[in-house]
Amino acid sequence: MDPSTVTAFGLVFCISCLLLISAWRNALGRGKLPPGPVPLPIIGNMLQLDTKNIPKTLCMLAKVYGPVFTLYLGSEPIVVLHGYKAMKEALTDHGEEFAGRGSFPIIDAINKGLGLAFSSGERWKQMRRFSLMTLKNFGMGKKSIEERVQEEAKYLVEALKTTNGMPCDPTFILGCAPCNVICSIIFQKRFEYHDQKFLHLMELLDEKVKILSSPWAQIYNLFPALVQYLPGSHHKLFKNCQMLHNFILGRVKEHQEALDSNNPKDLIDSFLLKMEQEKKKPQSEFTMENLLYTVSDIFGAGTATTSTTLRYGLLLFLKHPEITDKIREEIDRVIGQNRSPCLKDRNSMPYTDAVIHEIQRYIDLVPANLTHSVTRDTKFRQYLIPKGTTIIPLLTSVLYDKEEFPNPDQFDPGHFLDESGNFKKSDYFMPFSTGKRICVGEGLARMELFLFFTTILQNFTLKSPIDPKDIDTAPVASGFGKIPPSFKLCFLPSQNM
């Protein structure tokens, strides 16, 4: 090797070591972090992470270092929470301290700390307070939103009938239904399933989730300073998000032209009125940028998570036809065929309720949760975590807890049933996270899942083109979220309709 090359390599290595030592000293000077694997210069513990399944890697590390451990991504420490006790203690008992939003580089490059889902501090508090109040005012938790979901369920049934019982991929149709529910709250409008703008919107949302869950996105999050300049799917993600914002901006302009200050019709109207009220406040968070990102956050989260859960649920119904038959028996007994399912039916349908809970537990949709951060220097157990430290609360470690859910790797509705067949609640059921940053739309999502699933099974018999024993339910990606494999099924109209 050329002497100059050796010298340059040695210089880079020395500088790397000095940077790492400096980072360690800074961390030690500010707090006593939990134990963890020894990091390498520059890259930290990145080589120990499987970018195809980071949550699984973190669970394996927890077996070595305990339920609270530190991982370095580059020179930045990240504290990982594993298990129910650590999660509850941090996100609930110390909720205020752990309420910040941690670093998520590929999303940070898009949202820039704006909006609802990825903001922190006073901005997040104001956006969350506004979103909760507005969703409540426009029906979440009230009869009106239930009626909207029931109406959309009827449109869903009609769309499924057009498949004529032939094998079809349900991805698109199952995405349209929850998307239209969100549209009715944000835009006071639903779209026909064949509307070209709506089709394009659904494609953008679907591709966004796939890219965020891909190994490439995880690599971006590990090496953002380098990867942002390389070709890759992140450029497609940025472009798609810009198109989504342009779509939302078009709806906002329409609302501005027809705005009635005495009669706000939806979330956008309410936000525009709030902007007008606070226009003289120099530090107001109610800006056009925050409107676009808040609407985008609610739109994406309210569509992608519910539609993926519906799709994964149908796949599990095909895999376990005996479970599907029991749900249909309960539907026939409680609801019958002469009326639409309603939310109050859930109290009389413990088996169906248990199955839907088990679907959410088993698919473990967002295994590593959204990252948190501590809002101030925080004493946690015997450690002192410095302000701004990113926290990863591993939801998968709670949803797959072996003591709470025997045989967690098996799809078993019995996890949520007692010996008498009654529905059994579990504190470990937290697919929507827990604490102060629990999902804003949890109530709406649970309502949609119950009404859409029961309406589908009330009207159709599900048939798989392949033997149920040959159906593979393993996700094809386990990054930001889990993506179910592609599959086809037949929606056969029920004989007794």
Protein backbone atom coordinates (compact mmCIF):
# COMPACT_ATOMS: atom_id res chain seq x y z
CA MET A 1 0.00 0.00 0.00
CA ASP A 2 1.27 3.49 -0.83
CA PRO A 3 2.75 5.27 2.26
CA SER A 4 0.61 8.36 1.65
CA THR A 5 -2.51 6.16 1.60
CA VAL A 6 -1.50 4.55 4.88
CA THR A 7 -0.91 7.98 6.41
CA ALA A 8 -4.28 9.28 5.20
CA PHE A 9 -6.06 6.18 6.51
CA GLY A 10 -4.35 6.55 9.87
CA LEU A 11 -5.30 10.22 10.05
CA VAL A 12 -8.97 9.48 9.28
CA PHE A 13 -9.00 6.71 11.89
CA CYS A 14 -7.48 8.96 14.55
CA ILE A 15 -9.94 11.75 13.82
CA SER A 16 -12.79 9.24 13.97
CA CYS A 17 -11.63 8.00 17.36
CA LEU A 18 -11.31 11.56 18.66
CA LEU A 19 -14.84 12.40 17.49
CA LEU A 20 -16.22 9.28 19.16
CA ILE A 21 -14.35 9.97 22.39
CA SER A 22 -15.65 13.54 22.31
CA ALA A 23 -19.21 12.31 21.86
CA TRP A 24 -18.78 9.87 24.75
CA ARG A 25 -17.40 12.62 26.98
CA ASN A 26 -20.29 14.90 26.13
CA ALA A 27 -22.79 12.15 26.92
CA LEU A 28 -21.01 11.21 30.13
CA GLY A 29 -20.79 14.85 31.14
CA ARG A 30 -24.52 15.35 30.73
CA GLY A 31 -25.87 12.05 31.96
CA LYS A 32 -25.38 8.42 32.76
CA LEU A 33 -26.79 6.49 29.82
CA PRO A 34 -27.97 2.87 30.03
CA PRO A 35 -25.52 0.12 29.00
CA GLY A 36 -25.30 -1.17 25.45
CA PRO A 37 -23.03 -2.66 22.79
CA VAL A 38 -19.65 -0.99 22.26
CA PRO A 39 -19.87 1.34 19.23
CA LEU A 40 -17.28 1.69 16.48
CA PRO A 41 -15.84 5.06 15.43
CA ILE A 42 -18.05 7.10 13.07
CA ILE A 43 -20.63 4.36 12.44
CA GLY A 44 -21.45 3.47 16.04
CA ASN A 45 -23.46 0.23 16.22
CA MET A 46 -24.78 0.37 12.67
CA LEU A 47 -23.09 -2.87 11.59
CA GLN A 48 -25.02 -4.72 14.29
CA LEU A 49 -28.40 -3.74 12.82
CA ASP A 50 -30.23 -5.74 10.18
CA THR A 51 -31.71 -3.03 7.94
CA LYS A 52 -34.33 -5.53 6.73
CA ASN A 53 -35.65 -6.01 10.25
CA ILE A 54 -34.25 -3.51 12.75
CA PRO A 55 -36.94 -4.19 15.43
CA LYS A 56 -35.94 -7.87 15.53
CA THR A 57 -32.28 -6.88 16.00
CA LEU A 58 -33.22 -4.55 18.87
CA CYS A 59 -35.18 -7.32 20.60
CA MET A 60 -32.13 -9.59 20.38
CA LEU A 61 -29.91 -6.89 21.88
CA ALA A 62 -32.40 -6.45 24.75
CA LYS A 63 -31.77 -10.07 25.75
CA VAL A 64 -28.12 -9.15 26.30
CA TYR A 65 -28.32 -5.61 27.69
CA GLY A 66 -31.70 -5.54 29.41
CA PRO A 67 -35.01 -3.69 28.89
CA VAL A 68 -33.36 -0.25 28.72
CA PHE A 69 -30.16 0.01 26.67
CA THR A 70 -28.20 2.49 24.58
CA LEU A 71 -27.36 2.15 20.91
CA TYR A 72 -25.20 4.50 18.86
CA LEU A 73 -26.15 5.51 15.33
CA GLY A 74 -22.98 7.27 14.33
CA SER A 75 -22.01 9.37 17.34
CA GLU A 76 -25.62 9.89 18.44
CA PRO A 77 -26.88 7.78 21.37
CA ILE A 78 -30.36 6.27 21.16
CA VAL A 79 -32.09 4.72 24.17
CA VAL A 80 -34.22 1.66 23.45
CA LEU A 81 -37.18 0.65 25.66
CA HIS A 82 -38.07 -3.05 25.61
CA GLY A 83 -41.08 -4.59 27.33
CA TYR A 84 -44.29 -3.40 28.94
CA LYS A 85 -42.80 -2.23 32.26
CA ALA A 86 -40.16 -0.01 30.66
CA MET A 87 -42.66 1.33 28.12
CA LYS A 88 -45.30 2.18 30.72
CA GLU A 89 -42.81 3.71 33.11
CA ALA A 90 -41.39 5.97 30.40
CA LEU A 91 -44.35 6.91 28.20
CA THR A 92 -47.06 6.98 30.88
CA ASP A 93 -45.47 7.54 34.30
CA HIS A 94 -42.90 9.99 32.85
CA GLY A 95 -45.14 11.03 29.96
CA GLU A 96 -44.19 14.70 29.87
CA GLU A 97 -40.45 14.01 29.82
CA PHE A 98 -40.74 11.42 27.03
CA ALA A 99 -43.25 13.39 24.89
CA GLY A 100 -40.74 14.78 22.39
CA ARG A 101 -40.48 13.41 18.86
CA GLY A 102 -37.17 11.74 18.13
CA SER A 103 -35.08 11.91 15.01
CA PHE A 104 -36.44 10.17 11.91
CA PRO A 105 -34.10 11.51 9.20
CA ILE A 106 -36.03 10.51 6.08
CA ILE A 107 -39.24 12.08 7.45
CA ASP A 108 -37.38 15.04 8.96
CA ALA A 109 -36.12 15.84 5.46
CA ILE A 110 -39.75 16.14 4.34
CA ASN A 111 -41.63 17.56 7.33
CA LYS A 112 -38.88 19.78 8.78
CA GLY A 113 -40.43 19.45 12.24
CA LEU A 114 -43.81 20.78 11.09
CA GLY A 115 -47.28 19.28 11.37
CA LEU A 116 -48.66 16.92 13.99
CA ALA A 117 -46.93 13.54 13.92
CA PHE A 118 -43.28 14.64 13.76
CA SER A 119 -43.28 17.94 15.65
CA SER A 120 -42.31 18.56 19.27
CA GLY A 121 -42.66 21.11 22.03
CA GLU A 122 -45.24 23.89 21.92
CA ARG A 123 -45.91 23.36 18.19
CA TRP A 124 -46.86 19.72 18.76
CA LYS A 125 -49.04 20.60 21.77
CA GLN A 126 -50.98 23.20 19.77
CA MET A 127 -51.37 21.00 16.69
CA ARG A 128 -52.50 18.02 18.78
CA ARG A 129 -54.93 20.09 20.84
CA PHE A 130 -56.41 21.60 17.67
CA SER A 131 -56.62 18.23 15.87
CA LEU A 132 -58.32 16.47 18.78
CA MET A 133 -60.84 19.28 19.24
CA THR A 134 -61.59 19.53 15.52
CA LEU A 135 -61.95 15.77 15.05
CA LYS A 136 -64.33 15.74 18.01
CA ASN A 137 -66.33 18.67 16.63
CA PHE A 138 -66.71 16.93 13.29
CA GLY A 139 -67.89 13.67 14.65
CA MET A 140 -65.12 11.48 16.06
CA GLY A 141 -66.75 9.61 18.92
CA LYS A 142 -70.20 10.80 17.87
CA LYS A 143 -73.01 9.25 15.87
CA SER A 144 -72.27 11.34 12.76
CA ILE A 145 -68.84 9.80 12.14
CA GLU A 146 -70.29 6.32 12.68
CA GLU A 147 -72.86 7.08 10.02
CA ARG A 148 -70.09 8.21 7.66
CA VAL A 149 -68.22 4.94 8.19
CA GLN A 150 -71.42 2.91 7.70
CA GLU A 151 -72.13 4.79 4.49
CA GLU A 152 -68.61 4.17 3.22
CA ALA A 153 -68.94 0.48 4.15
CA LYS A 154 -71.92 0.28 1.76
CA TYR A 155 -69.86 1.84 -1.04
CA LEU A 156 -67.13 -0.69 -0.24
CA VAL A 157 -69.59 -3.58 -0.58
CA GLU A 158 -70.78 -2.26 -3.95
CA ALA A 159 -67.18 -1.96 -5.16
CA LEU A 160 -66.41 -5.52 -4.07
CA LYS A 161 -69.49 -6.79 -5.90
CA THR A 162 -68.01 -5.52 -9.17
CA THR A 163 -65.27 -8.17 -8.85
CA ASN A 164 -68.01 -10.74 -9.70
CA GLY A 165 -66.49 -13.34 -7.39
CA MET A 166 -63.30 -13.52 -9.46
CA PRO A 167 -59.83 -13.58 -7.83
CA CYS A 168 -58.69 -10.02 -7.14
CA ASP A 169 -56.03 -8.10 -5.23
CA PRO A 170 -57.98 -6.14 -2.58
CA THR A 171 -55.25 -3.57 -1.88
CA PHE A 172 -56.74 -0.64 -3.79
CA ILE A 173 -60.40 -1.10 -2.80
CA LEU A 174 -59.54 -1.57 0.88
CA GLY A 175 -57.50 1.63 0.76
CA CYS A 176 -60.33 3.67 -0.74
CA ALA A 177 -62.75 3.13 2.15
CA PRO A 178 -60.69 4.54 5.08
CA CYS A 179 -59.25 7.21 2.79
CA ASN A 180 -62.75 8.48 2.03
CA VAL A 181 -63.62 8.60 5.73
CA ILE A 182 -60.61 10.85 6.32
CA CYS A 183 -61.51 12.92 3.24
CA SER A 184 -64.98 13.52 4.66
CA ILE A 185 -63.47 14.91 7.87
CA ILE A 186 -60.72 17.00 6.24
CA PHE A 187 -62.35 18.04 2.95
CA GLN A 188 -66.05 17.31 3.66
CA LYS A 189 -65.96 15.24 0.50
CA ARG A 190 -65.73 11.62 -0.57
CA PHE A 191 -64.47 10.44 -3.96
CA GLU A 192 -65.78 7.80 -6.31
CA TYR A 193 -63.46 4.82 -6.41
CA HIS A 194 -62.87 5.34 -10.13
CA ASP A 195 -62.05 9.08 -9.82
CA GLN A 196 -58.65 9.62 -11.50
CA LYS A 197 -57.42 12.15 -8.90
CA PHE A 198 -58.44 9.74 -6.17
CA LEU A 199 -56.66 6.87 -7.93
CA HIS A 200 -53.48 8.93 -8.13
CA LEU A 201 -53.80 9.91 -4.47
CA MET A 202 -54.12 6.27 -3.42
CA GLU A 203 -51.04 5.36 -5.45
CA LEU A 204 -49.01 8.10 -3.74
CA LEU A 205 -50.05 6.95 -0.26
CA ASP A 206 -49.41 3.28 -1.01
CA GLU A 207 -45.97 3.95 -2.49
CA LYS A 208 -45.06 6.21 0.45
CA VAL A 209 -45.66 3.40 2.95
CA LYS A 210 -43.73 0.89 0.83
CA ILE A 211 -40.70 3.17 0.51
CA LEU A 212 -40.68 4.07 4.22
CA SER A 213 -40.75 0.36 5.09
CA SER A 214 -38.02 -0.62 2.64
CA PRO A 215 -34.42 -1.46 3.65
CA TRP A 216 -33.28 1.56 1.64
CA ALA A 217 -35.25 3.90 3.91
CA GLN A 218 -33.59 2.31 6.94
CA ILE A 219 -30.19 2.86 5.33
CA TYR A 220 -31.12 6.50 4.75
CA ASN A 221 -32.03 6.84 8.44
CA LEU A 222 -28.65 5.37 9.41
CA PHE A 223 -26.54 7.46 6.97
CA PRO A 224 -28.66 10.53 6.06
CA ALA A 225 -25.72 12.87 5.42
CA LEU A 226 -24.35 10.49 2.79
CA VAL A 227 -27.40 8.77 1.30
CA GLN A 228 -29.31 12.00 0.58
CA TYR A 229 -26.83 12.70 -2.24
CA LEU A 230 -27.04 9.20 -3.73
CA PRO A 231 -29.65 7.94 -6.21
CA GLY A 232 -32.37 5.84 -4.60
CA SER A 233 -36.04 5.50 -3.74
CA HIS A 234 -35.88 8.39 -1.23
CA HIS A 235 -35.98 10.80 -4.16
CA LYS A 236 -39.21 9.14 -5.31
CA LEU A 237 -40.58 9.54 -1.77
CA PHE A 238 -39.74 13.25 -1.68
CA LYS A 239 -41.36 13.76 -5.08
CA ASN A 240 -44.51 11.87 -4.07
CA CYS A 241 -44.85 13.84 -0.83
CA GLN A 242 -44.59 17.07 -2.80
CA MET A 243 -47.38 15.90 -5.12
CA LEU A 244 -49.49 15.01 -2.07
CA HIS A 245 -48.91 18.51 -0.65
CA ASN A 246 -49.89 20.03 -3.99
CA PHE A 247 -53.14 18.05 -3.90
CA ILE A 248 -53.87 19.29 -0.38
CA LEU A 249 -52.92 22.86 -1.32
CA GLY A 250 -55.45 22.72 -4.15
CA ARG A 251 -58.19 21.75 -1.69
CA VAL A 252 -57.06 24.52 0.69
CA LYS A 253 -57.38 27.16 -2.04
CA GLU A 254 -60.91 25.94 -2.78
CA HIS A 255 -61.73 26.28 0.93
CA GLN A 256 -60.29 29.80 1.07
CA GLU A 257 -62.58 30.93 -1.73
CA ALA A 258 -65.72 29.50 -0.12
CA LEU A 259 -64.86 30.02 3.57
CA ASP A 260 -67.79 30.93 5.84
CA SER A 261 -66.44 32.18 9.18
CA ASN A 262 -69.76 31.38 10.86
CA ASN A 263 -70.01 27.85 9.53
CA PRO A 264 -66.73 25.88 9.31
CA LYS A 265 -67.50 22.64 7.49
CA ASP A 266 -64.33 20.59 8.09
CA LEU A 267 -60.81 20.54 9.48
CA ILE A 268 -59.36 22.82 6.78
CA ASP A 269 -62.04 25.47 7.37
CA SER A 270 -61.34 25.35 11.10
CA PHE A 271 -57.59 25.73 10.58
CA LEU A 272 -58.05 28.68 8.19
CA LEU A 273 -60.25 30.44 10.76
CA LYS A 274 -57.62 29.80 13.44
CA MET A 275 -54.99 31.32 11.12
CA GLU A 276 -57.15 34.42 10.76
CA GLN A 277 -57.62 34.71 14.54
CA GLU A 278 -53.87 34.49 15.18
CA LYS A 279 -52.56 36.43 12.17
CA LYS A 280 -51.26 39.22 14.41
CA LYS A 281 -49.35 36.80 16.63
CA PRO A 282 -45.74 36.78 15.33
CA GLN A 283 -45.00 33.32 16.78
CA SER A 284 -48.31 31.67 15.87
CA GLU A 285 -48.07 28.00 14.90
CA PHE A 286 -51.18 28.31 12.74
CA THR A 287 -49.46 28.91 9.42
CA MET A 288 -50.08 27.64 5.90
CA GLU A 289 -47.06 25.33 6.17
CA ASN A 290 -48.33 23.77 9.40
CA LEU A 291 -51.77 23.36 7.83
CA LEU A 292 -50.34 21.41 4.89
CA TYR A 293 -48.20 19.14 7.06
CA THR A 294 -50.89 18.57 9.69
CA VAL A 295 -53.45 17.60 7.04
CA SER A 296 -50.84 15.40 5.35
CA ASP A 297 -50.05 13.65 8.66
CA ILE A 298 -53.70 12.95 9.47
CA PHE A 299 -54.41 11.95 5.90
CA GLY A 300 -51.52 9.52 5.58
CA ALA A 301 -51.81 7.97 9.05
CA GLY A 302 -55.59 7.67 8.90
CA THR A 303 -55.49 5.92 5.55
CA ALA A 304 -52.37 3.74 5.47
CA THR A 305 -52.59 2.08 8.88
CA THR A 306 -56.28 1.19 8.67
CA SER A 307 -56.15 -0.02 5.07
CA THR A 308 -53.07 -2.18 5.75
CA THR A 309 -54.75 -3.68 8.82
CA LEU A 310 -57.86 -4.47 6.76
CA ARG A 311 -55.77 -6.12 4.06
CA TYR A 312 -53.71 -8.10 6.55
CA GLY A 313 -56.92 -9.12 8.35
CA LEU A 314 -58.45 -10.56 5.17
CA LEU A 315 -55.25 -12.52 4.55
CA LEU A 316 -55.51 -14.00 8.05
CA PHE A 317 -59.19 -14.80 7.46
CA LEU A 318 -58.16 -16.80 4.39
CA LYS A 319 -55.42 -18.56 6.33
CA HIS A 320 -57.79 -19.46 9.18
CA PRO A 321 -61.24 -20.19 7.65
CA GLU A 322 -62.44 -21.79 10.91
CA ILE A 323 -62.00 -18.42 12.64
CA THR A 324 -63.83 -16.65 9.82
CA ASP A 325 -66.74 -19.07 10.13
CA LYS A 326 -67.08 -18.30 13.85
CA ILE A 327 -67.22 -14.56 13.12
CA ARG A 328 -69.92 -15.12 10.51
CA GLU A 329 -71.93 -17.17 13.02
CA GLU A 330 -71.70 -14.30 15.50
CA ILE A 331 -72.73 -11.80 12.82
CA ASP A 332 -75.76 -13.93 11.88
CA ARG A 333 -76.78 -14.25 15.53
CA VAL A 334 -76.32 -10.63 16.60
CA ILE A 335 -76.80 -8.55 13.43
CA GLY A 336 -78.50 -10.77 10.86
CA GLN A 337 -78.84 -9.78 7.22
CA ASN A 338 -81.50 -7.07 7.40
CA ARG A 339 -79.49 -4.15 8.79
CA SER A 340 -75.99 -2.72 8.74
CA PRO A 341 -73.57 -3.41 11.58
CA CYS A 342 -73.29 -0.61 14.15
CA LEU A 343 -70.73 0.11 16.81
CA LYS A 344 -72.94 -0.94 19.73
CA ASP A 345 -72.98 -4.47 18.25
CA ARG A 346 -69.36 -4.83 19.33
CA ASN A 347 -70.40 -5.28 22.98
CA SER A 348 -72.48 -8.32 21.97
CA MET A 349 -69.79 -9.83 19.74
CA PRO A 350 -66.86 -10.81 22.00
CA TYR A 351 -65.35 -13.29 19.54
CA THR A 352 -65.29 -10.78 16.66
CA ASP A 353 -63.86 -8.15 18.97
CA ALA A 354 -61.16 -10.58 20.12
CA VAL A 355 -60.26 -11.48 16.53
CA ILE A 356 -59.85 -7.81 15.53
CA HIS A 357 -57.65 -7.19 18.57
CA GLU A 358 -55.60 -10.27 17.72
CA ILE A 359 -55.18 -9.08 14.13
CA GLN A 360 -53.69 -5.82 15.38
CA ARG A 361 -51.49 -7.60 17.91
CA TYR A 362 -50.30 -10.29 15.52
CA ILE A 363 -49.47 -8.07 12.53
CA ASP A 364 -47.52 -5.70 14.81
CA LEU A 365 -47.95 -2.97 12.21
CA VAL A 366 -45.41 -0.39 13.47
CA PRO A 367 -43.01 -2.58 15.49
CA ALA A 368 -40.54 0.12 16.56
CA ASN A 369 -43.20 2.80 17.08
CA LEU A 370 -42.44 6.38 16.08
CA THR A 371 -39.31 7.58 17.84
CA HIS A 372 -39.66 9.77 20.94
CA SER A 373 -37.17 12.05 22.63
CA VAL A 374 -36.78 13.38 26.15
CA THR A 375 -37.80 17.01 26.55
CA ARG A 376 -35.31 17.69 29.35
CA ASP A 377 -32.51 15.94 31.22
CA THR A 378 -34.44 13.00 32.67
CA LYS A 379 -33.69 10.68 35.56
CA PHE A 380 -35.02 7.28 34.54
CA ARG A 381 -34.40 4.30 36.78
CA GLN A 382 -30.72 4.56 37.72
CA TYR A 383 -29.81 6.52 34.59
CA LEU A 384 -29.74 10.19 33.57
CA ILE A 385 -30.80 10.65 29.95
CA PRO A 386 -29.73 13.98 28.40
CA LYS A 387 -32.32 16.32 26.89
CA GLY A 388 -32.96 15.63 23.20
CA THR A 389 -31.86 11.98 23.31
CA THR A 390 -33.86 9.87 20.84
CA ILE A 391 -35.96 7.09 22.37
CA ILE A 392 -37.17 3.95 20.56
CA PRO A 393 -40.16 2.38 22.37
CA LEU A 394 -40.33 -1.15 20.95
CA LEU A 395 -44.05 -1.85 20.58
CA THR A 396 -43.28 -5.31 19.23
CA SER A 397 -41.77 -6.29 22.59
CA VAL A 398 -45.14 -5.59 24.27
CA LEU A 399 -47.45 -7.04 21.63
CA TYR A 400 -45.35 -10.23 21.53
CA ASP A 401 -44.81 -10.57 25.27
CA LYS A 402 -44.77 -14.32 26.01
CA GLU A 403 -46.18 -14.05 29.51
CA GLU A 404 -49.17 -11.94 28.49
CA PHE A 405 -49.76 -13.70 25.15
CA PRO A 406 -48.82 -17.41 25.28
CA ASN A 407 -47.43 -18.55 21.92
CA PRO A 408 -47.28 -14.95 20.60
CA ASP A 409 -46.08 -16.10 17.16
CA GLN A 410 -49.42 -17.86 16.61
CA PHE A 411 -52.58 -16.09 15.48
CA ASP A 412 -54.92 -16.91 18.35
CA PRO A 413 -58.08 -14.90 19.26
CA GLY A 414 -57.96 -16.71 22.61
CA HIS A 415 -55.38 -14.14 23.68
CA PHE A 416 -58.33 -11.78 24.19
CA LEU A 417 -60.95 -14.22 25.53
CA ASP A 418 -61.47 -15.54 29.04
CA GLU A 419 -62.48 -19.11 29.90
CA SER A 420 -66.16 -18.24 29.47
CA GLY A 421 -65.68 -16.78 25.99
CA ASN A 422 -66.04 -13.18 27.15
CA PHE A 423 -63.80 -10.47 25.73
CA LYS A 424 -60.70 -9.94 27.88
CA LYS A 425 -58.92 -6.60 27.90
CA SER A 426 -55.14 -6.40 28.10
CA ASP A 427 -52.96 -3.48 29.15
CA TYR A 428 -50.37 -4.91 26.76
CA PHE A 429 -52.58 -4.13 23.77
CA MET A 430 -51.00 -0.93 22.50
CA PRO A 431 -50.81 -0.96 18.69
CA PHE A 432 -51.64 2.77 18.81
CA SER A 433 -48.76 3.38 21.26
CA THR A 434 -49.45 4.77 24.74
CA GLY A 435 -48.96 7.91 26.80
CA LYS A 436 -49.20 11.50 25.64
CA ARG A 437 -48.37 10.69 22.01
CA ILE A 438 -50.89 7.91 21.60
CA CYS A 439 -52.45 8.00 18.12
CA VAL A 440 -54.95 10.87 17.73
CA GLY A 441 -57.23 8.73 15.59
CA GLU A 442 -57.34 5.59 17.74
CA GLY A 443 -61.11 5.77 18.31
CA LEU A 444 -61.83 6.31 14.63
CA ALA A 445 -59.52 3.49 13.53
CA ARG A 446 -61.08 0.98 15.95
CA MET A 447 -64.55 1.97 14.77
CA GLU A 448 -63.57 1.55 11.11
CA LEU A 449 -61.98 -1.85 11.64
CA PHE A 450 -65.04 -3.25 13.38
CA LEU A 451 -67.58 -1.83 10.91
CA PHE A 452 -65.61 -2.62 7.75
CA PHE A 453 -64.69 -6.18 8.79
CA THR A 454 -68.21 -7.07 9.93
CA THR A 455 -69.83 -5.50 6.87
CA ILE A 456 -67.55 -7.44 4.52
CA LEU A 457 -68.19 -10.76 6.26
CA GLN A 458 -71.92 -10.04 6.48
CA ASN A 459 -72.10 -9.65 2.71
CA PHE A 460 -69.44 -12.00 1.36
CA THR A 461 -67.90 -15.41 1.76
CA LEU A 462 -64.14 -15.20 1.31
CA LYS A 463 -62.44 -17.81 -0.83
CA SER A 464 -58.74 -18.22 -1.49
CA PRO A 465 -57.54 -19.36 -4.93
CA ILE A 466 -54.91 -21.47 -3.14
CA ASP A 467 -55.09 -23.91 -0.24
CA PRO A 468 -55.12 -22.07 3.14
CA LYS A 469 -52.21 -24.25 4.27
CA ASP A 470 -50.09 -22.74 1.49
CA ILE A 471 -50.85 -19.12 2.40
CA ASP A 472 -47.82 -17.28 3.74
CA THR A 473 -48.68 -14.42 6.13
CA ALA A 474 -45.08 -13.29 6.78
CA PRO A 475 -44.57 -9.59 5.95
CA VAL A 476 -42.52 -8.74 2.88
CA ALA A 477 -41.01 -5.72 4.68
CA SER A 478 -40.49 -4.88 8.36
CA GLY A 479 -39.04 -1.38 8.38
CA PHE A 480 -41.08 1.63 9.46
CA GLY A 481 -44.17 -0.57 9.12
CA LYS A 482 -44.91 -4.16 8.19
CA ILE A 483 -46.16 -4.76 4.66
CA PRO A 484 -48.29 -7.88 4.03
CA PRO A 485 -47.50 -10.04 1.01
CA SER A 486 -49.56 -9.58 -2.14
CA PHE A 487 -52.46 -12.00 -2.42
CA LYS A 488 -55.72 -12.56 -4.24
CA LEU A 489 -59.10 -13.68 -2.99
CA CYS A 490 -62.66 -14.11 -4.21
CA PHE A 491 -65.54 -12.14 -2.69
CA LEU A 492 -68.52 -14.46 -3.13
CA PRO A 493 -71.90 -12.86 -2.29
CA SER A 494 -73.50 -14.55 0.73
CA GLN A 495 -76.20 -17.05 -0.24
CA ASN A 496 -78.70 -15.90 2.36
CA MET A 497 -78.69 -12.25 1.37
